[in-house]
Amino acid sequence: MCLFRKDELPSVMLARACLISLLTLFFSDLSMVFYVDISGMAVPNWGIVGRWFDMIFSGQFYTPSIADMPPVKDEKAIGLLAHMVVAFIFTLFYTRLFSLNNSMKRLFFGGIVLAWALSVIPLLFELPSMGAGILGFNTPQPGLTFLRVMVTRLWPLSRSRKTI
């Protein structure tokens, strides 16, 4: 099934991408709730994510510790909105890549491969800019931090890919 056709209007393509990203977010976040219950891993802190996005869009690209930064107004809402926008961008990228590349369509674990490839963003950009170091080496348990980044990219996408 081709999610986007070449003759499709851009507005239809964007509407379809919005629907896919909302469905993916719903099932991804729902599966994350179950994963948190099973593993005991901490739930995502959308306030910290919002604080980080506010910091980045304010022109500050590094802080020694994001937790020590003062809270910003509506940081949780900013974090959740950023979560949705990133999901939309990744959905556009993912569906466009799969609809253009026939070999990727046949790859059973294509979504997982893409999710792990995109793990470069938090491991090499997000964590260092928050003061956690490259690959999370400045955290108390760097191996566990790296593993959690990889698992949180694998778990939800492996569950939500069935909705696409």
N, C-alpha and C. Protein backbone atom coordinates (compact mmCIF):
# COMPACT_ATOMS: atom_id res chain seq x y z
N MET A 1 0.84 -1.19 0.00
CA MET A 1 0.00 0.00 0.00
C MET A 1 0.88 1.24 0.00
N CYS A 2 0.60 2.13 -0.88
CA CYS A 2 1.34 3.38 -0.97
C CYS A 2 0.59 4.44 -0.16
N LEU A 3 1.25 4.99 0.83
CA LEU A 3 0.58 5.97 1.69
C LEU A 3 0.42 7.33 1.02
N PHE A 4 1.34 7.66 0.13
CA PHE A 4 1.27 8.92 -0.59
C PHE A 4 1.44 8.63 -2.08
N ARG A 5 0.57 9.21 -2.87
CA ARG A 5 0.65 9.03 -4.32
C ARG A 5 1.22 10.30 -4.94
N LYS A 6 1.89 10.11 -6.07
CA LYS A 6 2.52 11.25 -6.74
C LYS A 6 1.50 12.28 -7.21
N ASP A 7 0.29 11.82 -7.56
CA ASP A 7 -0.73 12.74 -8.07
C ASP A 7 -1.60 13.35 -6.97
N GLU A 8 -1.25 13.12 -5.74
CA GLU A 8 -2.06 13.57 -4.61
C GLU A 8 -1.79 15.05 -4.30
N LEU A 9 -2.82 15.76 -3.91
CA LEU A 9 -2.67 17.16 -3.52
C LEU A 9 -1.86 17.26 -2.23
N PRO A 10 -1.04 18.29 -2.10
CA PRO A 10 -0.25 18.45 -0.86
C PRO A 10 -1.13 18.52 0.39
N SER A 11 -2.30 19.14 0.29
CA SER A 11 -3.17 19.25 1.46
C SER A 11 -3.68 17.87 1.89
N VAL A 12 -3.96 17.00 0.93
CA VAL A 12 -4.41 15.63 1.25
C VAL A 12 -3.26 14.85 1.88
N MET A 13 -2.06 15.03 1.33
CA MET A 13 -0.89 14.36 1.87
C MET A 13 -0.64 14.79 3.32
N LEU A 14 -0.74 16.10 3.59
CA LEU A 14 -0.52 16.60 4.94
C LEU A 14 -1.61 16.12 5.90
N ALA A 15 -2.85 16.09 5.43
CA ALA A 15 -3.95 15.60 6.27
C ALA A 15 -3.73 14.12 6.61
N ARG A 16 -3.31 13.35 5.63
CA ARG A 16 -3.05 11.93 5.86
C ARG A 16 -1.87 11.75 6.83
N ALA A 17 -0.83 12.56 6.66
CA ALA A 17 0.32 12.49 7.57
C ALA A 17 -0.09 12.87 8.99
N CYS A 18 -0.96 13.86 9.13
CA CYS A 18 -1.46 14.24 10.48
C CYS A 18 -2.21 13.08 11.12
N LEU A 19 -3.09 12.46 10.37
CA LEU A 19 -3.85 11.33 10.89
C LEU A 19 -2.93 10.18 11.28
N ILE A 20 -1.98 9.86 10.42
CA ILE A 20 -1.05 8.76 10.71
C ILE A 20 -0.22 9.09 11.95
N SER A 21 0.27 10.33 12.05
CA SER A 21 1.10 10.67 13.21
C SER A 21 0.28 10.67 14.49
N LEU A 22 -0.98 11.11 14.44
CA LEU A 22 -1.82 11.07 15.64
C LEU A 22 -2.12 9.63 16.07
N LEU A 23 -2.42 8.78 15.10
CA LEU A 23 -2.65 7.36 15.43
C LEU A 23 -1.38 6.71 15.98
N THR A 24 -0.26 7.01 15.35
CA THR A 24 1.01 6.46 15.81
C THR A 24 1.33 6.95 17.22
N LEU A 25 1.13 8.24 17.47
CA LEU A 25 1.35 8.78 18.81
C LEU A 25 0.46 8.10 19.84
N PHE A 26 -0.81 7.93 19.49
CA PHE A 26 -1.74 7.31 20.42
C PHE A 26 -1.26 5.90 20.81
N PHE A 27 -0.98 5.08 19.80
CA PHE A 27 -0.57 3.70 20.09
C PHE A 27 0.83 3.63 20.67
N SER A 28 1.69 4.52 20.24
CA SER A 28 3.05 4.58 20.79
C SER A 28 3.02 4.94 22.27
N ASP A 29 2.27 5.98 22.61
CA ASP A 29 2.20 6.40 24.01
C ASP A 29 1.46 5.38 24.86
N LEU A 30 0.44 4.76 24.31
CA LEU A 30 -0.27 3.71 25.04
C LEU A 30 0.66 2.52 25.32
N SER A 31 1.43 2.12 24.32
CA SER A 31 2.36 1.01 24.54
C SER A 31 3.45 1.42 25.51
N MET A 32 3.84 2.70 25.52
CA MET A 32 4.85 3.17 26.47
C MET A 32 4.34 3.06 27.91
N VAL A 33 3.05 3.29 28.12
CA VAL A 33 2.47 3.14 29.46
C VAL A 33 2.66 1.69 29.94
N PHE A 34 2.37 0.75 29.06
CA PHE A 34 2.55 -0.65 29.43
C PHE A 34 4.02 -0.98 29.64
N TYR A 35 4.89 -0.44 28.80
CA TYR A 35 6.32 -0.70 28.94
C TYR A 35 6.84 -0.15 30.27
N VAL A 36 6.40 1.05 30.64
CA VAL A 36 6.82 1.65 31.91
C VAL A 36 6.38 0.75 33.07
N ASP A 37 5.14 0.23 33.00
CA ASP A 37 4.67 -0.68 34.05
C ASP A 37 5.50 -1.95 34.12
N ILE A 38 5.88 -2.50 32.97
CA ILE A 38 6.64 -3.74 32.93
C ILE A 38 8.08 -3.53 33.40
N SER A 39 8.71 -2.45 32.94
CA SER A 39 10.14 -2.25 33.18
C SER A 39 10.46 -1.42 34.41
N GLY A 40 9.50 -0.61 34.86
CA GLY A 40 9.78 0.29 35.97
C GLY A 40 10.55 1.54 35.53
N MET A 41 10.73 1.70 34.23
CA MET A 41 11.42 2.87 33.70
C MET A 41 10.59 4.12 33.97
N ALA A 42 11.27 5.24 34.18
CA ALA A 42 10.57 6.49 34.45
C ALA A 42 9.78 6.94 33.22
N VAL A 43 8.65 7.54 33.47
CA VAL A 43 7.84 8.07 32.36
C VAL A 43 8.54 9.29 31.78
N PRO A 44 8.28 9.60 30.50
CA PRO A 44 8.90 10.80 29.92
C PRO A 44 8.48 12.05 30.70
N ASN A 45 9.42 12.92 30.92
CA ASN A 45 9.17 14.18 31.62
C ASN A 45 8.97 15.27 30.57
N TRP A 46 7.72 15.53 30.21
CA TRP A 46 7.43 16.48 29.15
C TRP A 46 7.78 17.90 29.56
N GLY A 47 7.83 18.18 30.85
CA GLY A 47 8.26 19.49 31.32
C GLY A 47 9.72 19.75 30.98
N ILE A 48 10.58 18.75 31.20
CA ILE A 48 12.00 18.89 30.85
C ILE A 48 12.16 19.02 29.34
N VAL A 49 11.37 18.25 28.58
CA VAL A 49 11.43 18.34 27.12
C VAL A 49 11.02 19.75 26.68
N GLY A 50 9.94 20.27 27.27
CA GLY A 50 9.50 21.63 26.95
C GLY A 50 10.54 22.67 27.32
N ARG A 51 11.18 22.50 28.46
CA ARG A 51 12.24 23.41 28.89
C ARG A 51 13.41 23.37 27.89
N TRP A 52 13.72 22.15 27.42
CA TRP A 52 14.82 22.00 26.45
C TRP A 52 14.48 22.69 25.13
N PHE A 53 13.25 22.47 24.63
CA PHE A 53 12.85 23.13 23.38
C PHE A 53 12.84 24.64 23.54
N ASP A 54 12.36 25.14 24.67
CA ASP A 54 12.37 26.58 24.93
C ASP A 54 13.80 27.10 24.93
N MET A 55 14.71 26.34 25.55
CA MET A 55 16.11 26.73 25.61
C MET A 55 16.70 26.79 24.19
N ILE A 56 16.43 25.77 23.38
CA ILE A 56 16.96 25.71 22.01
C ILE A 56 16.42 26.87 21.17
N PHE A 57 15.11 27.10 21.23
CA PHE A 57 14.51 28.17 20.42
C PHE A 57 14.83 29.56 20.95
N SER A 58 15.36 29.64 22.17
CA SER A 58 15.81 30.93 22.71
C SER A 58 17.27 31.20 22.34
N GLY A 59 17.89 30.24 21.65
CA GLY A 59 19.27 30.42 21.21
C GLY A 59 20.32 29.86 22.14
N GLN A 60 19.93 29.21 23.21
CA GLN A 60 20.89 28.60 24.13
C GLN A 60 20.97 27.12 23.79
N PHE A 61 22.14 26.69 23.30
CA PHE A 61 22.27 25.32 22.81
C PHE A 61 22.94 24.37 23.79
N TYR A 62 23.32 24.88 24.97
CA TYR A 62 23.95 24.00 25.96
C TYR A 62 23.64 24.49 27.36
N THR A 63 23.43 23.55 28.25
CA THR A 63 23.34 23.84 29.68
C THR A 63 24.03 22.70 30.42
N PRO A 64 24.75 23.00 31.48
CA PRO A 64 25.40 21.92 32.23
C PRO A 64 24.40 20.94 32.85
N SER A 65 23.21 21.43 33.18
CA SER A 65 22.18 20.56 33.75
C SER A 65 20.81 21.16 33.47
N ILE A 66 20.03 20.47 32.65
CA ILE A 66 18.69 20.96 32.30
C ILE A 66 17.79 21.00 33.54
N ALA A 67 18.00 20.09 34.47
CA ALA A 67 17.17 20.04 35.68
C ALA A 67 17.40 21.26 36.57
N ASP A 68 18.60 21.86 36.51
CA ASP A 68 18.91 23.03 37.33
C ASP A 68 18.44 24.34 36.71
N MET A 69 17.99 24.29 35.47
CA MET A 69 17.49 25.50 34.82
C MET A 69 16.12 25.85 35.40
N PRO A 70 15.81 27.13 35.48
CA PRO A 70 14.50 27.51 36.02
C PRO A 70 13.38 27.04 35.08
N PRO A 71 12.27 26.61 35.64
CA PRO A 71 11.14 26.20 34.80
C PRO A 71 10.65 27.37 33.95
N VAL A 72 10.10 27.02 32.79
CA VAL A 72 9.52 28.04 31.92
C VAL A 72 8.01 27.89 31.94
N LYS A 73 7.33 28.97 31.63
CA LYS A 73 5.87 28.95 31.63
C LYS A 73 5.37 27.92 30.61
N ASP A 74 4.44 27.09 31.03
CA ASP A 74 3.80 26.09 30.18
C ASP A 74 4.79 25.09 29.57
N GLU A 75 5.84 24.75 30.30
CA GLU A 75 6.86 23.85 29.74
C GLU A 75 6.31 22.46 29.43
N LYS A 76 5.38 21.98 30.21
CA LYS A 76 4.80 20.66 29.94
C LYS A 76 4.01 20.68 28.63
N ALA A 77 3.24 21.74 28.42
CA ALA A 77 2.48 21.88 27.17
C ALA A 77 3.43 22.03 25.99
N ILE A 78 4.51 22.78 26.17
CA ILE A 78 5.51 22.93 25.11
C ILE A 78 6.13 21.57 24.78
N GLY A 79 6.44 20.79 25.81
CA GLY A 79 7.02 19.47 25.61
C GLY A 79 6.09 18.52 24.87
N LEU A 80 4.82 18.52 25.24
CA LEU A 80 3.84 17.67 24.55
C LEU A 80 3.63 18.12 23.11
N LEU A 81 3.57 19.43 22.88
CA LEU A 81 3.44 19.94 21.52
C LEU A 81 4.66 19.57 20.68
N ALA A 82 5.84 19.69 21.27
CA ALA A 82 7.06 19.31 20.56
C ALA A 82 7.04 17.82 20.23
N HIS A 83 6.56 17.00 21.15
CA HIS A 83 6.43 15.56 20.93
C HIS A 83 5.55 15.29 19.70
N MET A 84 4.45 16.03 19.59
CA MET A 84 3.53 15.85 18.46
C MET A 84 4.15 16.35 17.16
N VAL A 85 4.83 17.48 17.20
CA VAL A 85 5.44 18.03 15.99
C VAL A 85 6.56 17.12 15.48
N VAL A 86 7.38 16.63 16.38
CA VAL A 86 8.45 15.70 16.00
C VAL A 86 7.85 14.43 15.41
N ALA A 87 6.79 13.91 16.01
CA ALA A 87 6.12 12.73 15.48
C ALA A 87 5.60 12.99 14.07
N PHE A 88 5.05 14.16 13.83
CA PHE A 88 4.55 14.52 12.51
C PHE A 88 5.69 14.57 11.49
N ILE A 89 6.79 15.20 11.86
CA ILE A 89 7.94 15.30 10.95
C ILE A 89 8.50 13.91 10.65
N PHE A 90 8.64 13.08 11.68
CA PHE A 90 9.14 11.72 11.46
C PHE A 90 8.17 10.90 10.63
N THR A 91 6.87 11.14 10.80
CA THR A 91 5.87 10.42 10.00
C THR A 91 5.99 10.81 8.53
N LEU A 92 6.15 12.09 8.26
CA LEU A 92 6.35 12.53 6.87
C LEU A 92 7.59 11.88 6.28
N PHE A 93 8.67 11.90 7.04
CA PHE A 93 9.93 11.32 6.57
C PHE A 93 9.78 9.82 6.34
N TYR A 94 9.22 9.13 7.31
CA TYR A 94 9.06 7.67 7.25
C TYR A 94 8.15 7.25 6.09
N THR A 95 6.98 7.84 5.99
CA THR A 95 6.05 7.44 4.93
C THR A 95 6.56 7.83 3.56
N ARG A 96 7.23 8.96 3.46
CA ARG A 96 7.79 9.38 2.17
C ARG A 96 8.91 8.42 1.76
N LEU A 97 9.76 8.06 2.69
CA LEU A 97 10.85 7.15 2.42
C LEU A 97 10.32 5.79 1.97
N PHE A 98 9.30 5.29 2.65
CA PHE A 98 8.76 3.97 2.33
C PHE A 98 7.93 3.99 1.05
N SER A 99 7.28 5.09 0.74
CA SER A 99 6.48 5.12 -0.48
C SER A 99 7.36 5.34 -1.72
N LEU A 100 8.55 5.88 -1.55
CA LEU A 100 9.44 6.10 -2.68
C LEU A 100 10.42 4.95 -2.90
N ASN A 101 10.72 4.20 -1.85
CA ASN A 101 11.76 3.18 -1.93
C ASN A 101 11.14 1.80 -1.80
N ASN A 102 11.02 1.08 -2.92
CA ASN A 102 10.38 -0.23 -2.92
C ASN A 102 11.13 -1.25 -2.07
N SER A 103 12.45 -1.15 -2.00
CA SER A 103 13.19 -2.12 -1.19
C SER A 103 12.91 -1.91 0.30
N MET A 104 12.66 -0.67 0.71
CA MET A 104 12.33 -0.41 2.11
C MET A 104 10.95 -0.95 2.47
N LYS A 105 10.03 -0.99 1.50
CA LYS A 105 8.69 -1.52 1.76
C LYS A 105 8.75 -2.99 2.15
N ARG A 106 9.70 -3.70 1.56
CA ARG A 106 9.80 -5.13 1.83
C ARG A 106 10.57 -5.43 3.10
N LEU A 107 11.22 -4.45 3.67
CA LEU A 107 12.01 -4.65 4.87
C LEU A 107 11.08 -4.72 6.08
N PHE A 108 10.97 -5.91 6.69
CA PHE A 108 10.02 -6.13 7.77
C PHE A 108 10.28 -5.19 8.95
N PHE A 109 11.52 -5.00 9.30
CA PHE A 109 11.87 -4.18 10.44
C PHE A 109 12.24 -2.75 10.04
N GLY A 110 11.71 -2.28 8.93
CA GLY A 110 12.05 -0.96 8.42
C GLY A 110 11.81 0.16 9.41
N GLY A 111 10.69 0.10 10.11
CA GLY A 111 10.38 1.13 11.10
C GLY A 111 11.35 1.11 12.26
N ILE A 112 11.75 -0.07 12.69
CA ILE A 112 12.70 -0.20 13.79
C ILE A 112 14.08 0.31 13.35
N VAL A 113 14.49 -0.06 12.13
CA VAL A 113 15.78 0.40 11.61
C VAL A 113 15.79 1.93 11.55
N LEU A 114 14.73 2.52 11.05
CA LEU A 114 14.65 3.98 10.97
C LEU A 114 14.65 4.60 12.36
N ALA A 115 13.92 4.01 13.30
CA ALA A 115 13.88 4.54 14.67
C ALA A 115 15.26 4.52 15.31
N TRP A 116 15.98 3.44 15.12
CA TRP A 116 17.34 3.36 15.69
C TRP A 116 18.27 4.34 15.00
N ALA A 117 18.11 4.50 13.69
CA ALA A 117 18.95 5.47 12.97
C ALA A 117 18.67 6.88 13.49
N LEU A 118 17.41 7.17 13.77
CA LEU A 118 17.05 8.49 14.28
C LEU A 118 17.44 8.69 15.74
N SER A 119 17.89 7.62 16.41
CA SER A 119 18.38 7.74 17.79
C SER A 119 19.64 8.57 17.87
N VAL A 120 20.24 8.84 16.73
CA VAL A 120 21.41 9.72 16.68
C VAL A 120 21.04 11.09 17.25
N ILE A 121 19.81 11.53 17.01
CA ILE A 121 19.40 12.87 17.46
C ILE A 121 19.47 13.00 18.98
N PRO A 122 18.81 12.12 19.77
CA PRO A 122 18.95 12.31 21.22
C PRO A 122 20.34 11.96 21.74
N LEU A 123 21.00 10.97 21.16
CA LEU A 123 22.29 10.54 21.69
C LEU A 123 23.42 11.52 21.41
N LEU A 124 23.39 12.17 20.26
CA LEU A 124 24.49 13.06 19.88
C LEU A 124 24.15 14.55 19.92
N PHE A 125 22.87 14.89 20.09
CA PHE A 125 22.49 16.29 20.14
C PHE A 125 21.72 16.65 21.41
N GLU A 126 20.60 15.95 21.65
CA GLU A 126 19.73 16.30 22.77
C GLU A 126 20.42 16.07 24.12
N LEU A 127 20.93 14.87 24.37
CA LEU A 127 21.57 14.59 25.66
C LEU A 127 22.77 15.49 25.93
N PRO A 128 23.68 15.69 24.96
CA PRO A 128 24.80 16.60 25.24
C PRO A 128 24.35 18.03 25.52
N SER A 129 23.33 18.52 24.81
CA SER A 129 22.90 19.91 25.04
C SER A 129 22.21 20.07 26.39
N MET A 130 21.71 18.97 26.96
CA MET A 130 21.08 19.02 28.28
C MET A 130 22.10 18.83 29.41
N GLY A 131 23.36 18.60 29.05
CA GLY A 131 24.39 18.41 30.06
C GLY A 131 24.65 16.95 30.40
N ALA A 132 24.00 16.03 29.70
CA ALA A 132 24.17 14.60 30.00
C ALA A 132 25.35 13.99 29.24
N GLY A 133 25.98 14.73 28.35
CA GLY A 133 27.13 14.24 27.61
C GLY A 133 26.75 13.43 26.39
N ILE A 134 27.73 13.24 25.51
CA ILE A 134 27.52 12.43 24.30
C ILE A 134 27.20 11.00 24.73
N LEU A 135 26.15 10.44 24.17
CA LEU A 135 25.65 9.10 24.48
C LEU A 135 25.25 8.96 25.95
N GLY A 136 25.10 10.08 26.65
CA GLY A 136 24.69 10.04 28.05
C GLY A 136 25.81 9.70 29.01
N PHE A 137 27.08 9.92 28.60
CA PHE A 137 28.23 9.54 29.45
C PHE A 137 28.32 10.33 30.74
N ASN A 138 27.68 11.49 30.85
CA ASN A 138 27.73 12.28 32.08
C ASN A 138 26.61 11.93 33.05
N THR A 139 25.83 10.90 32.75
CA THR A 139 24.77 10.47 33.66
C THR A 139 25.33 9.46 34.65
N PRO A 140 24.63 9.23 35.76
CA PRO A 140 25.13 8.26 36.74
C PRO A 140 25.29 6.85 36.17
N GLN A 141 24.45 6.46 35.22
CA GLN A 141 24.53 5.13 34.61
C GLN A 141 24.48 5.28 33.08
N PRO A 142 25.62 5.58 32.46
CA PRO A 142 25.62 5.85 31.01
C PRO A 142 25.11 4.67 30.17
N GLY A 143 25.47 3.47 30.54
CA GLY A 143 25.01 2.30 29.78
C GLY A 143 23.50 2.17 29.82
N LEU A 144 22.93 2.39 30.98
CA LEU A 144 21.48 2.32 31.13
C LEU A 144 20.79 3.46 30.36
N THR A 145 21.38 4.63 30.37
CA THR A 145 20.83 5.76 29.61
C THR A 145 20.81 5.43 28.13
N PHE A 146 21.92 4.92 27.61
CA PHE A 146 21.98 4.54 26.20
C PHE A 146 20.94 3.46 25.89
N LEU A 147 20.85 2.46 26.74
CA LEU A 147 19.90 1.37 26.54
C LEU A 147 18.46 1.89 26.54
N ARG A 148 18.15 2.79 27.45
CA ARG A 148 16.79 3.34 27.51
C ARG A 148 16.44 4.14 26.26
N VAL A 149 17.40 4.90 25.74
CA VAL A 149 17.15 5.64 24.50
C VAL A 149 16.83 4.65 23.39
N MET A 150 17.61 3.60 23.28
CA MET A 150 17.40 2.62 22.21
C MET A 150 16.08 1.87 22.39
N VAL A 151 15.78 1.45 23.62
CA VAL A 151 14.55 0.69 23.87
C VAL A 151 13.32 1.57 23.64
N THR A 152 13.36 2.82 24.08
CA THR A 152 12.19 3.67 23.88
C THR A 152 11.97 4.00 22.41
N ARG A 153 13.01 3.89 21.60
CA ARG A 153 12.83 4.06 20.15
C ARG A 153 12.29 2.77 19.53
N LEU A 154 12.67 1.65 20.08
CA LEU A 154 12.25 0.35 19.53
C LEU A 154 10.85 -0.02 19.96
N TRP A 155 10.56 0.06 21.24
CA TRP A 155 9.30 -0.45 21.78
C TRP A 155 8.07 0.20 21.15
N PRO A 156 7.91 1.55 21.23
CA PRO A 156 6.67 2.13 20.69
C PRO A 156 6.53 1.95 19.19
N LEU A 157 7.63 2.11 18.45
CA LEU A 157 7.51 2.02 17.00
C LEU A 157 7.18 0.60 16.57
N SER A 158 7.72 -0.39 17.27
CA SER A 158 7.41 -1.77 16.90
C SER A 158 5.94 -2.07 17.13
N ARG A 159 5.33 -1.42 18.10
CA ARG A 159 3.91 -1.61 18.37
C ARG A 159 3.04 -0.75 17.43
N SER A 160 3.46 0.50 17.19
CA SER A 160 2.61 1.43 16.46
C SER A 160 2.70 1.24 14.95
N ARG A 161 3.72 0.58 14.46
CA ARG A 161 3.88 0.41 13.02
C ARG A 161 2.69 -0.34 12.43
N LYS A 162 2.04 -1.15 13.25
CA LYS A 162 0.88 -1.91 12.77
C LYS A 162 -0.30 -1.00 12.44
N THR A 163 -0.29 0.23 12.93
CA THR A 163 -1.41 1.14 12.67
C THR A 163 -1.24 1.85 11.33
N ILE A 164 -0.06 1.79 10.76
CA ILE A 164 0.19 2.53 9.52
C ILE A 164 -0.15 1.67 8.32
